[in-house]
Amino acid sequence: MTYTITATAVRRAARAGLTVAAVLLLAAAAAPAPTGPSTGDHLFLMVTKGDGRSGDTRGTLLLCDPPQGHGRAAEACDQLAAVGGDIGSLPPEDGYCTMLYAPVTAQADGEWNGRPVEYRQTFPNGCVMRARTGAVFALES
């Protein structure tokens, strides 16, 4: 919906004792807020090699309507949908990881089903992170 202020409306408002600025303010207040793209379920994901305070950081915005953001976005969205967006509740995947200590910190901030999501976890290595978070933090794919 578009509101147009005509010269006639401005003259009438001036006769009524309103200023042009007041007319414009009233028109702006009556206009509906512009609608942008749907915010939907979204998470800003970051993976930092190291303990999270320094190191190589990669990040992306995961959108789930439609799935986009990284190579396994559809799979990540499906996994998150299965646990209601609670990353800590993702079921661990089967597999074996070495006991090599090369920490990685996974972090997610965003919104899922209208609720804020904040997640931060440091894992002993990337293999353990992938086993515990599935496709969600698979940013290299």
N, C-alpha and C. Protein backbone atom coordinates (compact mmCIF):
# COMPACT_ATOMS: atom_id res chain seq x y z
N MET A 1 0.85 -1.15 0.00
CA MET A 1 0.00 0.00 0.00
C MET A 1 0.91 1.23 0.00
N THR A 2 0.62 2.19 -0.86
CA THR A 2 1.43 3.40 -0.97
C THR A 2 0.58 4.60 -0.62
N TYR A 3 1.10 5.52 0.17
CA TYR A 3 0.43 6.75 0.50
C TYR A 3 1.11 7.88 -0.23
N THR A 4 0.30 8.72 -0.91
CA THR A 4 0.84 9.83 -1.66
C THR A 4 0.30 11.11 -1.05
N ILE A 5 1.18 12.06 -0.80
CA ILE A 5 0.79 13.36 -0.28
C ILE A 5 0.70 14.31 -1.48
N THR A 6 -0.47 14.83 -1.73
CA THR A 6 -0.64 15.75 -2.85
C THR A 6 -0.52 17.18 -2.38
N ALA A 7 -0.34 18.09 -3.34
CA ALA A 7 -0.25 19.52 -3.02
C ALA A 7 -1.55 20.00 -2.38
N THR A 8 -2.68 19.45 -2.83
CA THR A 8 -3.97 19.83 -2.27
C THR A 8 -4.04 19.44 -0.79
N ALA A 9 -3.56 18.26 -0.46
CA ALA A 9 -3.57 17.81 0.93
C ALA A 9 -2.69 18.71 1.79
N VAL A 10 -1.56 19.14 1.25
CA VAL A 10 -0.66 20.02 1.99
C VAL A 10 -1.33 21.37 2.22
N ARG A 11 -2.01 21.91 1.18
CA ARG A 11 -2.69 23.21 1.35
C ARG A 11 -3.80 23.10 2.38
N ARG A 12 -4.58 22.02 2.34
CA ARG A 12 -5.66 21.84 3.31
C ARG A 12 -5.10 21.74 4.73
N ALA A 13 -4.00 21.02 4.87
CA ALA A 13 -3.39 20.88 6.18
C ALA A 13 -2.86 22.22 6.68
N ALA A 14 -2.30 23.01 5.76
CA ALA A 14 -1.78 24.33 6.14
C ALA A 14 -2.92 25.21 6.62
N ARG A 15 -4.08 25.16 5.92
CA ARG A 15 -5.23 25.95 6.35
C ARG A 15 -5.74 25.46 7.71
N ALA A 16 -5.58 24.19 7.98
CA ALA A 16 -6.05 23.63 9.24
C ALA A 16 -5.05 23.90 10.37
N GLY A 17 -3.94 24.52 10.04
CA GLY A 17 -2.97 24.86 11.06
C GLY A 17 -1.87 23.83 11.25
N LEU A 18 -1.83 22.84 10.38
CA LEU A 18 -0.77 21.84 10.48
C LEU A 18 0.38 22.24 9.56
N THR A 19 1.57 21.90 9.94
CA THR A 19 2.72 22.17 9.09
C THR A 19 2.92 21.01 8.13
N VAL A 20 3.68 21.24 7.10
CA VAL A 20 3.98 20.19 6.13
C VAL A 20 4.67 19.02 6.83
N ALA A 21 5.54 19.32 7.75
CA ALA A 21 6.25 18.26 8.47
C ALA A 21 5.27 17.38 9.25
N ALA A 22 4.26 18.00 9.84
CA ALA A 22 3.28 17.22 10.60
C ALA A 22 2.50 16.30 9.67
N VAL A 23 2.16 16.81 8.48
CA VAL A 23 1.43 15.99 7.52
C VAL A 23 2.27 14.79 7.10
N LEU A 24 3.55 15.04 6.82
CA LEU A 24 4.43 13.95 6.42
C LEU A 24 4.60 12.93 7.54
N LEU A 25 4.70 13.42 8.79
CA LEU A 25 4.82 12.51 9.93
C LEU A 25 3.56 11.66 10.08
N LEU A 26 2.40 12.29 9.91
CA LEU A 26 1.16 11.53 10.02
C LEU A 26 1.06 10.48 8.91
N ALA A 27 1.48 10.83 7.71
CA ALA A 27 1.44 9.87 6.60
C ALA A 27 2.41 8.72 6.85
N ALA A 28 3.59 9.03 7.37
CA ALA A 28 4.57 7.98 7.64
C ALA A 28 4.08 7.04 8.74
N ALA A 29 3.41 7.60 9.75
CA ALA A 29 2.90 6.77 10.84
C ALA A 29 1.77 5.87 10.36
N ALA A 30 0.99 6.32 9.38
CA ALA A 30 -0.12 5.53 8.88
C ALA A 30 0.33 4.44 7.91
N ALA A 31 1.51 4.61 7.32
CA ALA A 31 1.99 3.64 6.34
C ALA A 31 2.40 2.36 7.04
N PRO A 32 2.04 1.22 6.47
CA PRO A 32 2.46 -0.04 7.08
C PRO A 32 3.97 -0.22 6.93
N ALA A 33 4.54 -0.98 7.84
CA ALA A 33 5.98 -1.25 7.77
C ALA A 33 6.27 -2.05 6.51
N PRO A 34 7.38 -1.74 5.85
CA PRO A 34 7.71 -2.50 4.65
C PRO A 34 7.98 -3.95 4.99
N THR A 35 7.54 -4.81 4.12
CA THR A 35 7.78 -6.23 4.35
C THR A 35 9.01 -6.65 3.57
N GLY A 36 9.91 -7.31 4.25
CA GLY A 36 11.13 -7.79 3.63
C GLY A 36 11.06 -9.29 3.50
N PRO A 37 12.19 -9.90 3.26
CA PRO A 37 12.20 -11.35 3.16
C PRO A 37 11.87 -11.98 4.51
N SER A 38 11.29 -13.14 4.47
CA SER A 38 10.94 -13.86 5.69
C SER A 38 12.20 -14.14 6.50
N THR A 39 12.11 -13.89 7.81
CA THR A 39 13.27 -14.14 8.65
C THR A 39 13.40 -15.62 8.96
N GLY A 40 12.30 -16.32 9.17
CA GLY A 40 12.32 -17.77 9.36
C GLY A 40 13.39 -18.26 10.31
N ASP A 41 13.68 -19.55 10.23
CA ASP A 41 14.71 -20.17 11.04
C ASP A 41 16.07 -19.84 10.43
N HIS A 42 16.94 -19.26 11.23
CA HIS A 42 18.26 -18.88 10.72
C HIS A 42 19.28 -18.91 11.86
N LEU A 43 20.49 -19.29 11.52
CA LEU A 43 21.58 -19.31 12.49
C LEU A 43 22.84 -18.78 11.82
N PHE A 44 23.55 -17.92 12.52
CA PHE A 44 24.88 -17.53 12.07
C PHE A 44 25.84 -18.50 12.72
N LEU A 45 26.53 -19.28 11.90
CA LEU A 45 27.42 -20.34 12.39
C LEU A 45 28.87 -19.92 12.23
N MET A 46 29.67 -20.20 13.25
CA MET A 46 31.11 -19.95 13.18
C MET A 46 31.86 -21.14 13.74
N VAL A 47 32.97 -21.47 13.10
CA VAL A 47 33.87 -22.51 13.58
C VAL A 47 35.26 -21.88 13.64
N THR A 48 35.87 -21.95 14.83
CA THR A 48 37.19 -21.38 15.03
C THR A 48 38.15 -22.48 15.44
N LYS A 49 39.24 -22.60 14.70
CA LYS A 49 40.28 -23.55 15.10
C LYS A 49 41.00 -22.93 16.28
N GLY A 50 41.16 -23.69 17.32
CA GLY A 50 41.73 -23.18 18.56
C GLY A 50 40.65 -23.14 19.62
N ASP A 51 40.91 -22.40 20.67
CA ASP A 51 39.98 -22.38 21.79
C ASP A 51 38.89 -21.33 21.65
N GLY A 52 38.80 -20.67 20.52
CA GLY A 52 37.74 -19.69 20.29
C GLY A 52 38.17 -18.26 20.49
N ARG A 53 39.31 -18.03 21.12
CA ARG A 53 39.76 -16.66 21.34
C ARG A 53 40.62 -16.17 20.19
N SER A 54 41.21 -17.10 19.48
CA SER A 54 42.06 -16.72 18.35
C SER A 54 42.11 -17.89 17.38
N GLY A 55 42.62 -17.64 16.23
CA GLY A 55 42.77 -18.72 15.26
C GLY A 55 41.99 -18.45 13.99
N ASP A 56 41.94 -19.45 13.14
CA ASP A 56 41.26 -19.37 11.87
C ASP A 56 39.76 -19.53 12.10
N THR A 57 38.97 -18.54 11.71
CA THR A 57 37.52 -18.59 11.90
C THR A 57 36.82 -18.60 10.56
N ARG A 58 35.86 -19.49 10.43
CA ARG A 58 34.98 -19.55 9.26
C ARG A 58 33.56 -19.34 9.75
N GLY A 59 32.76 -18.68 8.94
CA GLY A 59 31.38 -18.46 9.34
C GLY A 59 30.46 -18.37 8.14
N THR A 60 29.18 -18.60 8.41
CA THR A 60 28.16 -18.49 7.37
C THR A 60 26.81 -18.32 8.03
N LEU A 61 25.86 -17.84 7.26
CA LEU A 61 24.49 -17.71 7.72
C LEU A 61 23.69 -18.88 7.15
N LEU A 62 23.17 -19.72 8.03
CA LEU A 62 22.36 -20.85 7.62
C LEU A 62 20.89 -20.42 7.64
N LEU A 63 20.26 -20.46 6.49
CA LEU A 63 18.84 -20.17 6.36
C LEU A 63 18.13 -21.47 6.05
N CYS A 64 16.94 -21.65 6.60
CA CYS A 64 16.26 -22.93 6.41
C CYS A 64 14.92 -22.82 5.69
N ASP A 65 14.63 -21.71 5.06
CA ASP A 65 13.39 -21.59 4.30
C ASP A 65 13.60 -20.71 3.09
N PRO A 66 14.16 -21.19 2.01
CA PRO A 66 14.67 -22.53 1.71
C PRO A 66 16.07 -22.72 2.28
N PRO A 67 16.51 -23.98 2.44
CA PRO A 67 17.84 -24.25 2.99
C PRO A 67 18.95 -23.66 2.12
N GLN A 68 19.80 -22.87 2.74
CA GLN A 68 20.96 -22.31 2.06
C GLN A 68 21.95 -21.81 3.09
N GLY A 69 23.19 -21.67 2.70
CA GLY A 69 24.21 -21.16 3.60
C GLY A 69 25.51 -21.90 3.50
N HIS A 70 25.47 -23.21 3.35
CA HIS A 70 26.69 -23.98 3.11
C HIS A 70 26.34 -25.27 2.37
N GLY A 71 27.33 -26.04 2.02
CA GLY A 71 27.16 -27.20 1.16
C GLY A 71 26.17 -28.24 1.65
N ARG A 72 25.95 -28.33 2.95
CA ARG A 72 25.03 -29.33 3.50
C ARG A 72 23.87 -28.66 4.22
N ALA A 73 23.42 -27.52 3.70
CA ALA A 73 22.38 -26.73 4.36
C ALA A 73 21.08 -27.52 4.54
N ALA A 74 20.63 -28.24 3.52
CA ALA A 74 19.38 -28.99 3.63
C ALA A 74 19.47 -30.05 4.73
N GLU A 75 20.59 -30.75 4.78
CA GLU A 75 20.79 -31.77 5.80
C GLU A 75 20.86 -31.14 7.19
N ALA A 76 21.56 -30.01 7.30
CA ALA A 76 21.66 -29.31 8.59
C ALA A 76 20.29 -28.84 9.07
N CYS A 77 19.50 -28.29 8.16
CA CYS A 77 18.15 -27.83 8.53
C CYS A 77 17.27 -28.99 8.98
N ASP A 78 17.37 -30.12 8.28
CA ASP A 78 16.60 -31.31 8.67
C ASP A 78 17.01 -31.79 10.06
N GLN A 79 18.32 -31.83 10.32
CA GLN A 79 18.80 -32.27 11.64
C GLN A 79 18.34 -31.32 12.73
N LEU A 80 18.40 -30.03 12.46
CA LEU A 80 17.95 -29.04 13.46
C LEU A 80 16.44 -29.14 13.69
N ALA A 81 15.69 -29.35 12.62
CA ALA A 81 14.24 -29.47 12.76
C ALA A 81 13.87 -30.66 13.63
N ALA A 82 14.64 -31.73 13.54
CA ALA A 82 14.37 -32.94 14.33
C ALA A 82 14.54 -32.72 15.83
N VAL A 83 15.36 -31.73 16.21
CA VAL A 83 15.60 -31.46 17.64
C VAL A 83 15.08 -30.09 18.05
N GLY A 84 14.22 -29.50 17.23
CA GLY A 84 13.63 -28.21 17.58
C GLY A 84 14.65 -27.08 17.66
N GLY A 85 15.74 -27.19 16.91
CA GLY A 85 16.75 -26.14 16.90
C GLY A 85 17.75 -26.20 18.04
N ASP A 86 17.64 -27.21 18.90
CA ASP A 86 18.55 -27.35 20.05
C ASP A 86 19.78 -28.13 19.63
N ILE A 87 20.85 -27.42 19.31
CA ILE A 87 22.06 -28.06 18.79
C ILE A 87 22.63 -29.07 19.79
N GLY A 88 22.56 -28.77 21.06
CA GLY A 88 23.07 -29.67 22.09
C GLY A 88 22.32 -30.99 22.16
N SER A 89 21.14 -31.06 21.56
CA SER A 89 20.35 -32.29 21.59
C SER A 89 20.53 -33.14 20.34
N LEU A 90 21.39 -32.71 19.41
CA LEU A 90 21.62 -33.52 18.22
C LEU A 90 22.20 -34.88 18.62
N PRO A 91 21.68 -35.96 18.05
CA PRO A 91 22.22 -37.27 18.41
C PRO A 91 23.63 -37.44 17.83
N PRO A 92 24.55 -37.99 18.60
CA PRO A 92 25.91 -38.18 18.08
C PRO A 92 25.92 -39.22 16.97
N GLU A 93 26.78 -38.99 15.99
CA GLU A 93 26.93 -39.93 14.89
C GLU A 93 27.92 -41.01 15.29
N ASP A 94 27.75 -42.19 14.70
CA ASP A 94 28.68 -43.29 14.94
C ASP A 94 29.99 -43.02 14.22
N GLY A 95 31.06 -43.47 14.79
CA GLY A 95 32.36 -43.32 14.14
C GLY A 95 33.46 -43.28 15.18
N TYR A 96 34.66 -43.22 14.69
CA TYR A 96 35.82 -43.18 15.56
C TYR A 96 36.61 -41.91 15.29
N CYS A 97 37.06 -41.29 16.35
CA CYS A 97 37.90 -40.09 16.24
C CYS A 97 39.20 -40.34 16.99
N THR A 98 40.26 -39.76 16.48
CA THR A 98 41.55 -39.88 17.17
C THR A 98 41.51 -39.06 18.45
N MET A 99 42.47 -39.29 19.30
CA MET A 99 42.54 -38.53 20.54
C MET A 99 43.47 -37.33 20.40
N LEU A 100 43.74 -36.93 19.18
CA LEU A 100 44.57 -35.77 18.90
C LEU A 100 43.88 -34.52 19.46
N TYR A 101 44.65 -33.72 20.20
CA TYR A 101 44.08 -32.48 20.74
C TYR A 101 44.40 -31.33 19.79
N ALA A 102 43.38 -30.90 19.06
CA ALA A 102 43.46 -29.76 18.15
C ALA A 102 42.11 -29.07 18.25
N PRO A 103 41.90 -28.28 19.32
CA PRO A 103 40.55 -27.78 19.63
C PRO A 103 39.91 -26.95 18.52
N VAL A 104 38.61 -27.09 18.44
CA VAL A 104 37.77 -26.28 17.56
C VAL A 104 36.57 -25.81 18.37
N THR A 105 36.21 -24.56 18.16
CA THR A 105 35.07 -23.99 18.86
C THR A 105 33.97 -23.73 17.86
N ALA A 106 32.80 -24.27 18.15
CA ALA A 106 31.61 -24.08 17.31
C ALA A 106 30.68 -23.11 18.02
N GLN A 107 30.16 -22.16 17.25
CA GLN A 107 29.28 -21.15 17.84
C GLN A 107 28.13 -20.89 16.89
N ALA A 108 26.92 -20.75 17.45
CA ALA A 108 25.72 -20.45 16.66
C ALA A 108 24.89 -19.41 17.39
N ASP A 109 24.43 -18.44 16.65
CA ASP A 109 23.53 -17.41 17.18
C ASP A 109 22.45 -17.19 16.14
N GLY A 110 21.21 -17.11 16.58
CA GLY A 110 20.13 -16.86 15.64
C GLY A 110 18.78 -17.11 16.26
N GLU A 111 17.87 -17.64 15.43
CA GLU A 111 16.51 -17.85 15.88
C GLU A 111 15.96 -19.14 15.27
N TRP A 112 15.25 -19.90 16.09
CA TRP A 112 14.61 -21.13 15.62
C TRP A 112 13.21 -21.19 16.21
N ASN A 113 12.20 -21.33 15.37
CA ASN A 113 10.80 -21.35 15.80
C ASN A 113 10.46 -20.15 16.68
N GLY A 114 11.02 -19.00 16.35
CA GLY A 114 10.73 -17.78 17.09
C GLY A 114 11.49 -17.64 18.40
N ARG A 115 12.33 -18.59 18.73
CA ARG A 115 13.11 -18.54 19.98
C ARG A 115 14.57 -18.26 19.66
N PRO A 116 15.21 -17.46 20.50
CA PRO A 116 16.64 -17.19 20.26
C PRO A 116 17.48 -18.44 20.51
N VAL A 117 18.52 -18.58 19.70
CA VAL A 117 19.45 -19.70 19.83
C VAL A 117 20.84 -19.13 20.09
N GLU A 118 21.46 -19.59 21.14
CA GLU A 118 22.85 -19.25 21.44
C GLU A 118 23.55 -20.55 21.82
N TYR A 119 24.58 -20.89 21.08
CA TYR A 119 25.30 -22.13 21.32
C TYR A 119 26.78 -21.86 21.17
N ARG A 120 27.56 -22.40 22.09
CA ARG A 120 29.01 -22.29 22.00
C ARG A 120 29.60 -23.51 22.71
N GLN A 121 30.47 -24.22 21.98
CA GLN A 121 31.08 -25.41 22.54
C GLN A 121 32.46 -25.58 21.93
N THR A 122 33.43 -25.89 22.77
CA THR A 122 34.77 -26.20 22.28
C THR A 122 34.94 -27.72 22.33
N PHE A 123 35.34 -28.29 21.21
CA PHE A 123 35.53 -29.73 21.08
C PHE A 123 37.02 -30.02 20.99
N PRO A 124 37.44 -31.24 21.38
CA PRO A 124 38.87 -31.56 21.35
C PRO A 124 39.47 -31.55 19.94
N ASN A 125 38.64 -31.84 18.91
CA ASN A 125 39.12 -31.78 17.52
C ASN A 125 37.91 -31.74 16.58
N GLY A 126 38.17 -31.51 15.30
CA GLY A 126 37.10 -31.39 14.32
C GLY A 126 36.28 -32.65 14.15
N CYS A 127 36.92 -33.80 14.29
CA CYS A 127 36.21 -35.06 14.16
C CYS A 127 35.13 -35.19 15.24
N VAL A 128 35.46 -34.86 16.46
CA VAL A 128 34.50 -34.93 17.56
C VAL A 128 33.37 -33.92 17.33
N MET A 129 33.72 -32.72 16.85
CA MET A 129 32.70 -31.71 16.56
C MET A 129 31.71 -32.25 15.52
N ARG A 130 32.22 -32.83 14.44
CA ARG A 130 31.34 -33.37 13.39
C ARG A 130 30.48 -34.51 13.92
N ALA A 131 31.07 -35.36 14.77
CA ALA A 131 30.31 -36.49 15.33
C ALA A 131 29.18 -36.01 16.23
N ARG A 132 29.36 -34.89 16.90
CA ARG A 132 28.36 -34.40 17.85
C ARG A 132 27.38 -33.40 17.26
N THR A 133 27.75 -32.74 16.15
CA THR A 133 26.87 -31.70 15.59
C THR A 133 26.41 -32.00 14.17
N GLY A 134 26.78 -33.15 13.63
CA GLY A 134 26.31 -33.54 12.30
C GLY A 134 26.69 -32.54 11.23
N ALA A 135 25.74 -32.21 10.39
CA ALA A 135 25.99 -31.33 9.25
C ALA A 135 25.93 -29.85 9.62
N VAL A 136 25.50 -29.53 10.83
CA VAL A 136 25.28 -28.12 11.19
C VAL A 136 26.54 -27.28 11.03
N PHE A 137 27.67 -27.75 11.52
CA PHE A 137 28.91 -26.97 11.44
C PHE A 137 29.85 -27.49 10.35
N ALA A 138 29.30 -28.20 9.37
CA ALA A 138 30.11 -28.71 8.24
C ALA A 138 30.28 -27.59 7.22
N LEU A 139 31.04 -26.57 7.56
CA LEU A 139 31.19 -25.39 6.72
C LEU A 139 32.13 -25.61 5.55
N GLU A 140 33.01 -26.60 5.63
CA GLU A 140 33.96 -26.85 4.54
C GLU A 140 33.33 -27.61 3.39
N SER A 141 32.18 -28.22 3.60
CA SER A 141 31.55 -29.06 2.56
C SER A 141 31.07 -28.23 1.40
